[in-house]
Amino acid sequence: MKWALAIFVLVTGACSDPAGTQYLPIGSRCGTSAQCGTSPYVCNASSIYPNGYCEKACKTDGDCPADALCNPTVQACRRKCKVATDCRADEGYGCFVVTGQNAVCEPSPSVDGGS
């Protein structure tokens, strides 16, 4: 019986991804955090983020994946961009400068989440 329990624990423990596993790129649409990855990757599904936004908490750019920068205003990783079409422009996202020459995808100010 002990062996069966030990094997069950090993098998079920090996089936889950470790913390910090990213499934979708920062800025991807999402409905649940599980779509974005394991903690600390989450889906920001608040009304100002149309169709959700995969993100990760940060303090510096080094906390973010290579295709993202830390937006110090919201302390979350945001997708890098050069022009609005790099973002989900058809869903209401634009490309905004956050520091120096660095720009990230954020909801356009006119996006109200449908209210």
PDB file of N, CA and C in Angstrom:
ATOM      1  N   MET A   1       0.820  -1.191   0.000  1.00  0.00           N
ATOM      2  CA  MET A   1       0.000   0.000   0.000  1.00  0.00           C
ATOM      3  C   MET A   1       0.863   1.254   0.000  1.00  0.00           C
ATOM      4  N   LYS A   2       1.946   1.246   0.777  1.00  0.00           N
ATOM      5  CA  LYS A   2       2.835   2.403   0.819  1.00  0.00           C
ATOM      6  C   LYS A   2       3.453   2.664  -0.547  1.00  0.00           C
ATOM      7  N   TRP A   3       3.823   1.592  -1.262  1.00  0.00           N
ATOM      8  CA  TRP A   3       4.416   1.750  -2.591  1.00  0.00           C
ATOM      9  C   TRP A   3       3.415   2.362  -3.560  1.00  0.00           C
ATOM     10  N   ALA A   4       2.179   1.933  -3.488  1.00  0.00           N
ATOM     11  CA  ALA A   4       1.145   2.471  -4.375  1.00  0.00           C
ATOM     12  C   ALA A   4       0.952   3.960  -4.119  1.00  0.00           C
ATOM     13  N   LEU A   5       0.955   4.374  -2.852  1.00  0.00           N
ATOM     14  CA  LEU A   5       0.812   5.787  -2.513  1.00  0.00           C
ATOM     15  C   LEU A   5       2.022   6.573  -3.000  1.00  0.00           C
ATOM     16  N   ALA A   6       3.214   6.030  -2.824  1.00  0.00           N
ATOM     17  CA  ALA A   6       4.430   6.715  -3.277  1.00  0.00           C
ATOM     18  C   ALA A   6       4.436   6.886  -4.793  1.00  0.00           C
ATOM     19  N   ILE A   7       4.036   5.880  -5.519  1.00  0.00           N
ATOM     20  CA  ILE A   7       3.979   5.969  -6.981  1.00  0.00           C
ATOM     21  C   ILE A   7       2.931   6.989  -7.401  1.00  0.00           C
ATOM     22  N   PHE A   8       1.765   7.008  -6.745  1.00  0.00           N
ATOM     23  CA  PHE A   8       0.716   7.972  -7.061  1.00  0.00           C
ATOM     24  C   PHE A   8       1.227   9.396  -6.861  1.00  0.00           C
ATOM     25  N   VAL A   9       1.911   9.663  -5.759  1.00  0.00           N
ATOM     26  CA  VAL A   9       2.440  10.996  -5.476  1.00  0.00           C
ATOM     27  C   VAL A   9       3.470  11.392  -6.522  1.00  0.00           C
ATOM     28  N   LEU A  10       4.357  10.484  -6.893  1.00  0.00           N
ATOM     29  CA  LEU A  10       5.372  10.785  -7.903  1.00  0.00           C
ATOM     30  C   LEU A  10       4.744  11.071  -9.257  1.00  0.00           C
ATOM     31  N   VAL A  11       3.771  10.279  -9.659  1.00  0.00           N
ATOM     32  CA  VAL A  11       3.146  10.447 -10.964  1.00  0.00           C
ATOM     33  C   VAL A  11       2.338  11.729 -11.023  1.00  0.00           C
ATOM     34  N   THR A  12       1.526  11.993 -10.023  1.00  0.00           N
ATOM     35  CA  THR A  12       0.694  13.199 -10.056  1.00  0.00           C
ATOM     36  C   THR A  12       1.540  14.447  -9.889  1.00  0.00           C
ATOM     37  N   GLY A  13       2.591  14.382  -9.114  1.00  0.00           N
ATOM     38  CA  GLY A  13       3.475  15.535  -8.951  1.00  0.00           C
ATOM     39  C   GLY A  13       4.247  15.847 -10.214  1.00  0.00           C
ATOM     40  N   ALA A  14       4.552  14.841 -11.012  1.00  0.00           N
ATOM     41  CA  ALA A  14       5.323  15.041 -12.232  1.00  0.00           C
ATOM     42  C   ALA A  14       4.480  15.581 -13.376  1.00  0.00           C
ATOM     43  N   CYS A  15       3.167  15.595 -13.213  1.00  0.00           N
ATOM     44  CA  CYS A  15       2.292  16.024 -14.291  1.00  0.00           C
ATOM     45  C   CYS A  15       2.031  17.522 -14.310  1.00  0.00           C
ATOM     46  N   SER A  16       2.415  18.239 -13.275  1.00  0.00           N
ATOM     47  CA  SER A  16       2.152  19.679 -13.256  1.00  0.00           C
ATOM     48  C   SER A  16       3.442  20.444 -13.550  1.00  0.00           C
ATOM     49  N   ASP A  17       3.266  21.600 -14.174  1.00  0.00           N
ATOM     50  CA  ASP A  17       4.419  22.431 -14.510  1.00  0.00           C
ATOM     51  C   ASP A  17       4.879  23.213 -13.290  1.00  0.00           C
ATOM     52  N   PRO A  18       6.170  23.481 -13.198  1.00  0.00           N
ATOM     53  CA  PRO A  18       6.674  24.238 -12.054  1.00  0.00           C
ATOM     54  C   PRO A  18       6.236  25.707 -12.110  1.00  0.00           C
ATOM     55  N   ALA A  19       6.321  26.373 -10.981  1.00  0.00           N
ATOM     56  CA  ALA A  19       6.006  27.805 -10.921  1.00  0.00           C
ATOM     57  C   ALA A  19       6.861  28.548 -11.940  1.00  0.00           C
ATOM     58  N   GLY A  20       6.291  29.600 -12.517  1.00  0.00           N
ATOM     59  CA  GLY A  20       7.028  30.415 -13.477  1.00  0.00           C
ATOM     60  C   GLY A  20       7.031  29.877 -14.891  1.00  0.00           C
ATOM     61  N   THR A  21       6.165  28.911 -15.184  1.00  0.00           N
ATOM     62  CA  THR A  21       6.074  28.373 -16.540  1.00  0.00           C
ATOM     63  C   THR A  21       5.114  29.231 -17.352  1.00  0.00           C
ATOM     64  N   GLN A  22       5.595  29.792 -18.456  1.00  0.00           N
ATOM     65  CA  GLN A  22       4.785  30.655 -19.311  1.00  0.00           C
ATOM     66  C   GLN A  22       4.179  29.827 -20.439  1.00  0.00           C
ATOM     67  N   TYR A  23       2.847  29.937 -20.633  1.00  0.00           N
ATOM     68  CA  TYR A  23       2.171  29.236 -21.719  1.00  0.00           C
ATOM     69  C   TYR A  23       1.900  30.156 -22.906  1.00  0.00           C
ATOM     70  N   LEU A  24       1.410  31.356 -22.644  1.00  0.00           N
ATOM     71  CA  LEU A  24       1.113  32.326 -23.700  1.00  0.00           C
ATOM     72  C   LEU A  24       2.005  33.551 -23.530  1.00  0.00           C
ATOM     73  N   PRO A  25       2.343  34.235 -24.623  1.00  0.00           N
ATOM     74  CA  PRO A  25       3.153  35.449 -24.512  1.00  0.00           C
ATOM     75  C   PRO A  25       2.432  36.542 -23.712  1.00  0.00           C
ATOM     76  N   ILE A  26       3.209  37.395 -23.066  1.00  0.00           N
ATOM     77  CA  ILE A  26       2.658  38.563 -22.380  1.00  0.00           C
ATOM     78  C   ILE A  26       1.816  39.343 -23.396  1.00  0.00           C
ATOM     79  N   GLY A  27       0.652  39.791 -22.963  1.00  0.00           N
ATOM     80  CA  GLY A  27      -0.229  40.564 -23.837  1.00  0.00           C
ATOM     81  C   GLY A  27      -1.235  39.738 -24.613  1.00  0.00           C
ATOM     82  N   SER A  28      -1.154  38.411 -24.503  1.00  0.00           N
ATOM     83  CA  SER A  28      -2.110  37.550 -25.214  1.00  0.00           C
ATOM     84  C   SER A  28      -3.490  37.658 -24.589  1.00  0.00           C
ATOM     85  N   ARG A  29      -4.528  37.408 -25.413  1.00  0.00           N
ATOM     86  CA  ARG A  29      -5.886  37.383 -24.869  1.00  0.00           C
ATOM     87  C   ARG A  29      -6.033  36.117 -24.027  1.00  0.00           C
ATOM     88  N   CYS A  30      -6.868  36.213 -22.987  1.00  0.00           N
ATOM     89  CA  CYS A  30      -7.054  35.095 -22.070  1.00  0.00           C
ATOM     90  C   CYS A  30      -8.379  35.257 -21.327  1.00  0.00           C
ATOM     91  N   GLY A  31      -8.826  34.162 -20.764  1.00  0.00           N
ATOM     92  CA  GLY A  31     -10.024  34.183 -19.937  1.00  0.00           C
ATOM     93  C   GLY A  31      -9.734  33.743 -18.516  1.00  0.00           C
ATOM     94  N   THR A  32      -8.641  32.961 -18.367  1.00  0.00           N
ATOM     95  CA  THR A  32      -8.246  32.484 -17.041  1.00  0.00           C
ATOM     96  C   THR A  32      -6.729  32.537 -16.924  1.00  0.00           C
ATOM     97  N   SER A  33      -6.250  32.612 -15.695  1.00  0.00           N
ATOM     98  CA  SER A  33      -4.807  32.638 -15.461  1.00  0.00           C
ATOM     99  C   SER A  33      -4.137  31.354 -15.908  1.00  0.00           C
ATOM    100  N   ALA A  34      -4.844  30.237 -15.822  1.00  0.00           N
ATOM    101  CA  ALA A  34      -4.277  28.949 -16.226  1.00  0.00           C
ATOM    102  C   ALA A  34      -3.884  28.945 -17.698  1.00  0.00           C
ATOM    103  N   GLN A  35      -4.505  29.783 -18.520  1.00  0.00           N
ATOM    104  CA  GLN A  35      -4.132  29.870 -19.933  1.00  0.00           C
ATOM    105  C   GLN A  35      -2.784  30.562 -20.109  1.00  0.00           C
ATOM    106  N   CYS A  36      -2.447  31.482 -19.237  1.00  0.00           N
ATOM    107  CA  CYS A  36      -1.222  32.277 -19.359  1.00  0.00           C
ATOM    108  C   CYS A  36       0.012  31.523 -18.870  1.00  0.00           C
ATOM    109  N   GLY A  37      -0.165  30.718 -17.834  1.00  0.00           N
ATOM    110  CA  GLY A  37       0.960  29.981 -17.272  1.00  0.00           C
ATOM    111  C   GLY A  37       0.726  29.698 -15.807  1.00  0.00           C
ATOM    112  N   THR A  38       1.798  29.266 -15.155  1.00  0.00           N
ATOM    113  CA  THR A  38       1.717  29.038 -13.718  1.00  0.00           C
ATOM    114  C   THR A  38       2.165  30.313 -13.017  1.00  0.00           C
ATOM    115  N   SER A  39       1.820  30.448 -11.761  1.00  0.00           N
ATOM    116  CA  SER A  39       2.169  31.639 -10.988  1.00  0.00           C
ATOM    117  C   SER A  39       3.661  31.925 -11.151  1.00  0.00           C
ATOM    118  N   PRO A  40       4.019  33.147 -11.422  1.00  0.00           N
ATOM    119  CA  PRO A  40       3.322  34.416 -11.285  1.00  0.00           C
ATOM    120  C   PRO A  40       2.618  34.923 -12.552  1.00  0.00           C
ATOM    121  N   TYR A  41       2.487  34.118 -13.599  1.00  0.00           N
ATOM    122  CA  TYR A  41       1.753  34.545 -14.797  1.00  0.00           C
ATOM    123  C   TYR A  41       0.258  34.493 -14.506  1.00  0.00           C
ATOM    124  N   VAL A  42      -0.449  35.562 -14.847  1.00  0.00           N
ATOM    125  CA  VAL A  42      -1.884  35.643 -14.586  1.00  0.00           C
ATOM    126  C   VAL A  42      -2.600  36.282 -15.761  1.00  0.00           C
ATOM    127  N   CYS A  43      -3.916  36.111 -15.769  1.00  0.00           N
ATOM    128  CA  CYS A  43      -4.764  36.769 -16.755  1.00  0.00           C
ATOM    129  C   CYS A  43      -5.444  37.947 -16.074  1.00  0.00           C
ATOM    130  N   ASN A  44      -5.172  39.150 -16.559  1.00  0.00           N
ATOM    131  CA  ASN A  44      -5.865  40.329 -16.057  1.00  0.00           C
ATOM    132  C   ASN A  44      -7.143  40.445 -16.874  1.00  0.00           C
ATOM    133  N   ALA A  45      -8.250  40.062 -16.268  1.00  0.00           N
ATOM    134  CA  ALA A  45      -9.532  40.058 -16.971  1.00  0.00           C
ATOM    135  C   ALA A  45     -10.433  41.197 -16.496  1.00  0.00           C
ATOM    136  N   SER A  46      -9.831  42.234 -15.914  1.00  0.00           N
ATOM    137  CA  SER A  46     -10.649  43.371 -15.478  1.00  0.00           C
ATOM    138  C   SER A  46     -11.250  44.063 -16.696  1.00  0.00           C
ATOM    139  N   SER A  47     -12.264  44.854 -16.464  1.00  0.00           N
ATOM    140  CA  SER A  47     -13.028  45.442 -17.569  1.00  0.00           C
ATOM    141  C   SER A  47     -12.207  46.383 -18.449  1.00  0.00           C
ATOM    142  N   ILE A  48     -11.093  46.903 -17.946  1.00  0.00           N
ATOM    143  CA  ILE A  48     -10.295  47.797 -18.806  1.00  0.00           C
ATOM    144  C   ILE A  48      -9.361  47.031 -19.741  1.00  0.00           C
ATOM    145  N   TYR A  49      -9.283  45.714 -19.590  1.00  0.00           N
ATOM    146  CA  TYR A  49      -8.454  44.879 -20.463  1.00  0.00           C
ATOM    147  C   TYR A  49      -9.365  43.988 -21.307  1.00  0.00           C
ATOM    148  N   PRO A  50      -9.825  44.491 -22.466  1.00  0.00           N
ATOM    149  CA  PRO A  50     -10.739  43.716 -23.309  1.00  0.00           C
ATOM    150  C   PRO A  50     -10.181  42.337 -23.662  1.00  0.00           C
ATOM    151  N   ASN A  51     -10.993  41.315 -23.469  1.00  0.00           N
ATOM    152  CA  ASN A  51     -10.626  39.924 -23.769  1.00  0.00           C
ATOM    153  C   ASN A  51      -9.434  39.425 -22.966  1.00  0.00           C
ATOM    154  N   GLY A  52      -9.142  40.073 -21.841  1.00  0.00           N
ATOM    155  CA  GLY A  52      -8.060  39.650 -20.958  1.00  0.00           C
ATOM    156  C   GLY A  52      -6.688  40.012 -21.480  1.00  0.00           C
ATOM    157  N   TYR A  53      -5.684  39.938 -20.601  1.00  0.00           N
ATOM    158  CA  TYR A  53      -4.309  40.305 -20.946  1.00  0.00           C
ATOM    159  C   TYR A  53      -3.380  39.485 -20.068  1.00  0.00           C
ATOM    160  N   CYS A  54      -2.617  38.569 -20.661  1.00  0.00           N
ATOM    161  CA  CYS A  54      -1.652  37.794 -19.892  1.00  0.00           C
ATOM    162  C   CYS A  54      -0.556  38.726 -19.393  1.00  0.00           C
ATOM    163  N   GLU A  55      -0.258  38.636 -18.095  1.00  0.00           N
ATOM    164  CA  GLU A  55       0.748  39.513 -17.508  1.00  0.00           C
ATOM    165  C   GLU A  55       1.503  38.806 -16.390  1.00  0.00           C
ATOM    166  N   LYS A  56       2.527  39.482 -15.901  1.00  0.00           N
ATOM    167  CA  LYS A  56       3.338  38.973 -14.802  1.00  0.00           C
ATOM    168  C   LYS A  56       3.762  40.191 -13.989  1.00  0.00           C
ATOM    169  N   ALA A  57       3.672  40.112 -12.674  1.00  0.00           N
ATOM    170  CA  ALA A  57       4.100  41.219 -11.819  1.00  0.00           C
ATOM    171  C   ALA A  57       5.602  41.455 -11.993  1.00  0.00           C
ATOM    172  N   CYS A  58       6.016  42.728 -11.875  1.00  0.00           N
ATOM    173  CA  CYS A  58       7.436  43.058 -12.053  1.00  0.00           C
ATOM    174  C   CYS A  58       7.789  44.326 -11.293  1.00  0.00           C
ATOM    175  N   LYS A  59       9.082  44.495 -11.112  1.00  0.00           N
ATOM    176  CA  LYS A  59       9.632  45.743 -10.575  1.00  0.00           C
ATOM    177  C   LYS A  59      10.618  46.353 -11.561  1.00  0.00           C
ATOM    178  N   THR A  60      11.244  45.475 -12.371  1.00  0.00           N
ATOM    179  CA  THR A  60      12.200  45.930 -13.380  1.00  0.00           C
ATOM    180  C   THR A  60      11.975  45.136 -14.670  1.00  0.00           C
ATOM    181  N   ASP A  61      12.552  45.619 -15.768  1.00  0.00           N
ATOM    182  CA  ASP A  61      12.452  44.897 -17.047  1.00  0.00           C
ATOM    183  C   ASP A  61      13.029  43.487 -16.937  1.00  0.00           C
ATOM    184  N   GLY A  62      14.012  43.290 -16.070  1.00  0.00           N
ATOM    185  CA  GLY A  62      14.630  41.987 -15.886  1.00  0.00           C
ATOM    186  C   GLY A  62      13.683  40.932 -15.342  1.00  0.00           C
ATOM    187  N   ASP A  63      12.567  41.362 -14.756  1.00  0.00           N
ATOM    188  CA  ASP A  63      11.570  40.425 -14.239  1.00  0.00           C
ATOM    189  C   ASP A  63      10.660  39.884 -15.340  1.00  0.00           C
ATOM    190  N   CYS A  64      10.755  40.455 -16.542  1.00  0.00           N
ATOM    191  CA  CYS A  64       9.851  40.124 -17.642  1.00  0.00           C
ATOM    192  C   CYS A  64      10.524  39.240 -18.692  1.00  0.00           C
ATOM    193  N   PRO A  65       9.715  38.491 -19.456  1.00  0.00           N
ATOM    194  CA  PRO A  65      10.267  37.730 -20.588  1.00  0.00           C
ATOM    195  C   PRO A  65      10.895  38.682 -21.617  1.00  0.00           C
ATOM    196  N   ALA A  66      11.652  38.137 -22.541  1.00  0.00           N
ATOM    197  CA  ALA A  66      12.388  38.941 -23.526  1.00  0.00           C
ATOM    198  C   ALA A  66      11.485  39.793 -24.415  1.00  0.00           C
ATOM    199  N   ASP A  67      10.239  39.365 -24.647  1.00  0.00           N
ATOM    200  CA  ASP A  67       9.339  40.112 -25.529  1.00  0.00           C
ATOM    201  C   ASP A  67       8.479  41.127 -24.775  1.00  0.00           C
ATOM    202  N   ALA A  68       8.871  41.436 -23.528  1.00  0.00           N
ATOM    203  CA  ALA A  68       8.061  42.330 -22.701  1.00  0.00           C
ATOM    204  C   ALA A  68       8.947  43.262 -21.884  1.00  0.00           C
ATOM    205  N   LEU A  69       8.317  44.338 -21.398  1.00  0.00           N
ATOM    206  CA  LEU A  69       8.968  45.312 -20.519  1.00  0.00           C
ATOM    207  C   LEU A  69       8.097  45.511 -19.291  1.00  0.00           C
ATOM    208  N   CYS A  70       8.705  45.996 -18.218  1.00  0.00           N
ATOM    209  CA  CYS A  70       7.961  46.292 -17.008  1.00  0.00           C
ATOM    210  C   CYS A  70       7.358  47.692 -17.117  1.00  0.00           C
ATOM    211  N   ASN A  71       6.050  47.788 -17.008  1.00  0.00           N
ATOM    212  CA  ASN A  71       5.392  49.091 -16.969  1.00  0.00           C
ATOM    213  C   ASN A  71       5.353  49.501 -15.502  1.00  0.00           C
ATOM    214  N   PRO A  72       6.170  50.505 -15.123  1.00  0.00           N
ATOM    215  CA  PRO A  72       6.247  50.871 -13.709  1.00  0.00           C
ATOM    216  C   PRO A  72       4.943  51.420 -13.143  1.00  0.00           C
ATOM    217  N   THR A  73       4.070  51.925 -13.994  1.00  0.00           N
ATOM    218  CA  THR A  73       2.797  52.465 -13.524  1.00  0.00           C
ATOM    219  C   THR A  73       1.905  51.375 -12.948  1.00  0.00           C
ATOM    220  N   VAL A  74       1.856  50.227 -13.595  1.00  0.00           N
ATOM    221  CA  VAL A  74       1.007  49.125 -13.140  1.00  0.00           C
ATOM    222  C   VAL A  74       1.814  47.984 -12.515  1.00  0.00           C
ATOM    223  N   GLN A  75       3.142  48.109 -12.510  1.00  0.00           N
ATOM    224  CA  GLN A  75       4.070  47.095 -11.989  1.00  0.00           C
ATOM    225  C   GLN A  75       3.747  45.709 -12.531  1.00  0.00           C
ATOM    226  N   ALA A  76       3.587  45.660 -13.864  1.00  0.00           N
ATOM    227  CA  ALA A  76       3.314  44.403 -14.547  1.00  0.00           C
ATOM    228  C   ALA A  76       4.010  44.413 -15.905  1.00  0.00           C
ATOM    229  N   CYS A  77       4.428  43.234 -16.349  1.00  0.00           N
ATOM    230  CA  CYS A  77       5.051  43.096 -17.661  1.00  0.00           C
ATOM    231  C   CYS A  77       4.015  43.361 -18.740  1.00  0.00           C
ATOM    232  N   ARG A  78       4.443  44.094 -19.765  1.00  0.00           N
ATOM    233  CA  ARG A  78       3.597  44.418 -20.905  1.00  0.00           C
ATOM    234  C   ARG A  78       4.356  44.102 -22.186  1.00  0.00           C
ATOM    235  N   ARG A  79       3.622  43.709 -23.220  1.00  0.00           N
ATOM    236  CA  ARG A  79       4.231  43.374 -24.509  1.00  0.00           C
ATOM    237  C   ARG A  79       4.936  44.598 -25.089  1.00  0.00           C
ATOM    238  N   LYS A  80       6.162  44.402 -25.597  1.00  0.00           N
ATOM    239  CA  LYS A  80       6.900  45.474 -26.281  1.00  0.00           C
ATOM    240  C   LYS A  80       6.212  45.788 -27.602  1.00  0.00           C
ATOM    241  N   CYS A  81       6.316  47.050 -28.031  1.00  0.00           N
ATOM    242  CA  CYS A  81       5.747  47.414 -29.328  1.00  0.00           C
ATOM    243  C   CYS A  81       6.480  48.616 -29.903  1.00  0.00           C
ATOM    244  N   LYS A  82       6.300  48.800 -31.205  1.00  0.00           N
ATOM    245  CA  LYS A  82       6.809  49.987 -31.895  1.00  0.00           C
ATOM    246  C   LYS A  82       5.654  50.785 -32.475  1.00  0.00           C
ATOM    247  N   VAL A  83       4.610  50.073 -32.904  1.00  0.00           N
ATOM    248  CA  VAL A  83       3.407  50.698 -33.479  1.00  0.00           C
ATOM    249  C   VAL A  83       2.178  49.954 -32.953  1.00  0.00           C
ATOM    250  N   ALA A  84       1.018  50.588 -33.081  1.00  0.00           N
ATOM    251  CA  ALA A  84      -0.222  50.008 -32.559  1.00  0.00           C
ATOM    252  C   ALA A  84      -0.522  48.623 -33.132  1.00  0.00           C
ATOM    253  N   THR A  85      -0.124  48.366 -34.372  1.00  0.00           N
ATOM    254  CA  THR A  85      -0.418  47.063 -34.968  1.00  0.00           C
ATOM    255  C   THR A  85       0.398  45.931 -34.329  1.00  0.00           C
ATOM    256  N   ASP A  86       1.420  46.281 -33.523  1.00  0.00           N
ATOM    257  CA  ASP A  86       2.143  45.268 -32.754  1.00  0.00           C
ATOM    258  C   ASP A  86       1.296  44.760 -31.591  1.00  0.00           C
ATOM    259  N   CYS A  87       0.269  45.535 -31.268  1.00  0.00           N
ATOM    260  CA  CYS A  87      -0.624  45.220 -30.158  1.00  0.00           C
ATOM    261  C   CYS A  87      -1.931  44.646 -30.719  1.00  0.00           C
ATOM    262  N   ARG A  88      -2.884  44.445 -29.894  1.00  0.00           N
ATOM    263  CA  ARG A  88      -4.194  43.968 -30.328  1.00  0.00           C
ATOM    264  C   ARG A  88      -5.079  45.180 -30.620  1.00  0.00           C
ATOM    265  N   ALA A  89      -4.684  45.943 -31.632  1.00  0.00           N
ATOM    266  CA  ALA A  89      -5.346  47.217 -31.959  1.00  0.00           C
ATOM    267  C   ALA A  89      -6.832  47.038 -32.253  1.00  0.00           C
ATOM    268  N   ASP A  90      -7.191  45.934 -32.909  1.00  0.00           N
ATOM    269  CA  ASP A  90      -8.600  45.701 -33.227  1.00  0.00           C
ATOM    270  C   ASP A  90      -9.435  45.409 -31.979  1.00  0.00           C
ATOM    271  N   GLU A  91      -8.771  45.165 -30.856  1.00  0.00           N
ATOM    272  CA  GLU A  91      -9.466  44.920 -29.587  1.00  0.00           C
ATOM    273  C   GLU A  91      -9.364  46.130 -28.653  1.00  0.00           C
ATOM    274  N   GLY A  92      -8.778  47.221 -29.139  1.00  0.00           N
ATOM    275  CA  GLY A  92      -8.714  48.435 -28.337  1.00  0.00           C
ATOM    276  C   GLY A  92      -7.399  48.690 -27.634  1.00  0.00           C
ATOM    277  N   TYR A  93      -6.347  47.992 -28.031  1.00  0.00           N
ATOM    278  CA  TYR A  93      -5.034  48.196 -27.420  1.00  0.00           C
ATOM    279  C   TYR A  93      -4.179  49.083 -28.320  1.00  0.00           C
ATOM    280  N   GLY A  94      -3.331  49.907 -27.683  1.00  0.00           N
ATOM    281  CA  GLY A  94      -2.434  50.770 -28.420  1.00  0.00           C
ATOM    282  C   GLY A  94      -1.018  50.632 -27.899  1.00  0.00           C
ATOM    283  N   CYS A  95      -0.090  51.281 -28.577  1.00  0.00           N
ATOM    284  CA  CYS A  95       1.324  51.250 -28.224  1.00  0.00           C
ATOM    285  C   CYS A  95       1.666  52.582 -27.551  1.00  0.00           C
ATOM    286  N   PHE A  96       2.071  52.540 -26.288  1.00  0.00           N
ATOM    287  CA  PHE A  96       2.316  53.745 -25.503  1.00  0.00           C
ATOM    288  C   PHE A  96       3.708  53.731 -24.896  1.00  0.00           C
ATOM    289  N   VAL A  97       4.399  54.882 -24.959  1.00  0.00           N
ATOM    290  CA  VAL A  97       5.731  55.020 -24.366  1.00  0.00           C
ATOM    291  C   VAL A  97       5.596  55.018 -22.851  1.00  0.00           C
ATOM    292  N   VAL A  98       6.419  54.190 -22.182  1.00  0.00           N
ATOM    293  CA  VAL A  98       6.399  54.145 -20.720  1.00  0.00           C
ATOM    294  C   VAL A  98       7.668  54.717 -20.109  1.00  0.00           C
ATOM    295  N   THR A  99       8.815  54.473 -20.723  1.00  0.00           N
ATOM    296  CA  THR A  99      10.084  55.025 -20.235  1.00  0.00           C
ATOM    297  C   THR A  99      10.992  55.286 -21.419  1.00  0.00           C
ATOM    298  N   GLY A 100      11.549  56.486 -21.493  1.00  0.00           N
ATOM    299  CA  GLY A 100      12.469  56.807 -22.583  1.00  0.00           C
ATOM    300  C   GLY A 100      11.879  56.495 -23.939  1.00  0.00           C
ATOM    301  N   GLN A 101      12.520  55.598 -24.673  1.00  0.00           N
ATOM    302  CA  GLN A 101      12.061  55.170 -26.000  1.00  0.00           C
ATOM    303  C   GLN A 101      11.261  53.877 -25.940  1.00  0.00           C
ATOM    304  N   ASN A 102      11.064  53.327 -24.745  1.00  0.00           N
ATOM    305  CA  ASN A 102      10.401  52.029 -24.595  1.00  0.00           C
ATOM    306  C   ASN A 102       8.887  52.175 -24.605  1.00  0.00           C
ATOM    307  N   ALA A 103       8.242  51.394 -25.464  1.00  0.00           N
ATOM    308  CA  ALA A 103       6.783  51.434 -25.571  1.00  0.00           C
ATOM    309  C   ALA A 103       6.199  50.042 -25.348  1.00  0.00           C
ATOM    310  N   VAL A 104       4.996  50.016 -24.790  1.00  0.00           N
ATOM    311  CA  VAL A 104       4.316  48.759 -24.486  1.00  0.00           C
ATOM    312  C   VAL A 104       2.847  48.833 -24.886  1.00  0.00           C
ATOM    313  N   CYS A 105       2.237  47.668 -25.013  1.00  0.00           N
ATOM    314  CA  CYS A 105       0.818  47.573 -25.350  1.00  0.00           C
ATOM    315  C   CYS A 105      -0.032  47.720 -24.092  1.00  0.00           C
ATOM    316  N   GLU A 106      -0.938  48.662 -24.153  1.00  0.00           N
ATOM    317  CA  GLU A 106      -1.894  48.910 -23.068  1.00  0.00           C
ATOM    318  C   GLU A 106      -3.239  49.235 -23.702  1.00  0.00           C
ATOM    319  N   PRO A 107      -4.324  49.126 -22.933  1.00  0.00           N
ATOM    320  CA  PRO A 107      -5.624  49.515 -23.480  1.00  0.00           C
ATOM    321  C   PRO A 107      -5.610  50.998 -23.844  1.00  0.00           C
ATOM    322  N   SER A 108      -6.220  51.334 -24.966  1.00  0.00           N
ATOM    323  CA  SER A 108      -6.342  52.736 -25.352  1.00  0.00           C
ATOM    324  C   SER A 108      -7.269  53.439 -24.349  1.00  0.00           C
ATOM    325  N   PRO A 109      -7.020  54.715 -24.080  1.00  0.00           N
ATOM    326  CA  PRO A 109      -7.850  55.435 -23.090  1.00  0.00           C
ATOM    327  C   PRO A 109      -9.343  55.400 -23.403  1.00  0.00           C
ATOM    328  N   SER A 110      -9.708  55.242 -24.670  1.00  0.00           N
ATOM    329  CA  SER A 110     -11.129  55.238 -25.033  1.00  0.00           C
ATOM    330  C   SER A 110     -11.816  53.912 -24.732  1.00  0.00           C
ATOM    331  N   VAL A 111     -11.024  52.865 -24.377  1.00  0.00           N
ATOM    332  CA  VAL A 111     -11.604  51.555 -24.068  1.00  0.00           C
ATOM    333  C   VAL A 111     -12.261  51.641 -22.707  1.00  0.00           C
ATOM    334  N   ASP A 112     -13.552  51.320 -22.648  1.00  0.00           N
ATOM    335  CA  ASP A 112     -14.267  51.395 -21.370  1.00  0.00           C
ATOM    336  C   ASP A 112     -14.799  50.051 -20.903  1.00  0.00           C
ATOM    337  N   GLY A 113     -14.396  48.986 -21.562  1.00  0.00           N
ATOM    338  CA  GLY A 113     -14.821  47.667 -21.167  1.00  0.00           C
ATOM    339  C   GLY A 113     -16.277  47.366 -21.461  1.00  0.00           C
ATOM    340  N   GLY A 114     -16.892  48.199 -22.310  1.00  0.00           N
ATOM    341  CA  GLY A 114     -18.265  47.941 -22.718  1.00  0.00           C
ATOM    342  C   GLY A 114     -19.306  48.592 -21.828  1.00  0.00           C
ATOM    343  N   SER A 115     -18.868  49.417 -20.871  1.00  0.00           N
ATOM    344  CA  SER A 115     -19.871  50.047 -20.001  1.00  0.00           C
ATOM    345  C   SER A 115     -20.281  51.402 -20.511  1.00  0.00           C
TER     346      SER A 115
END
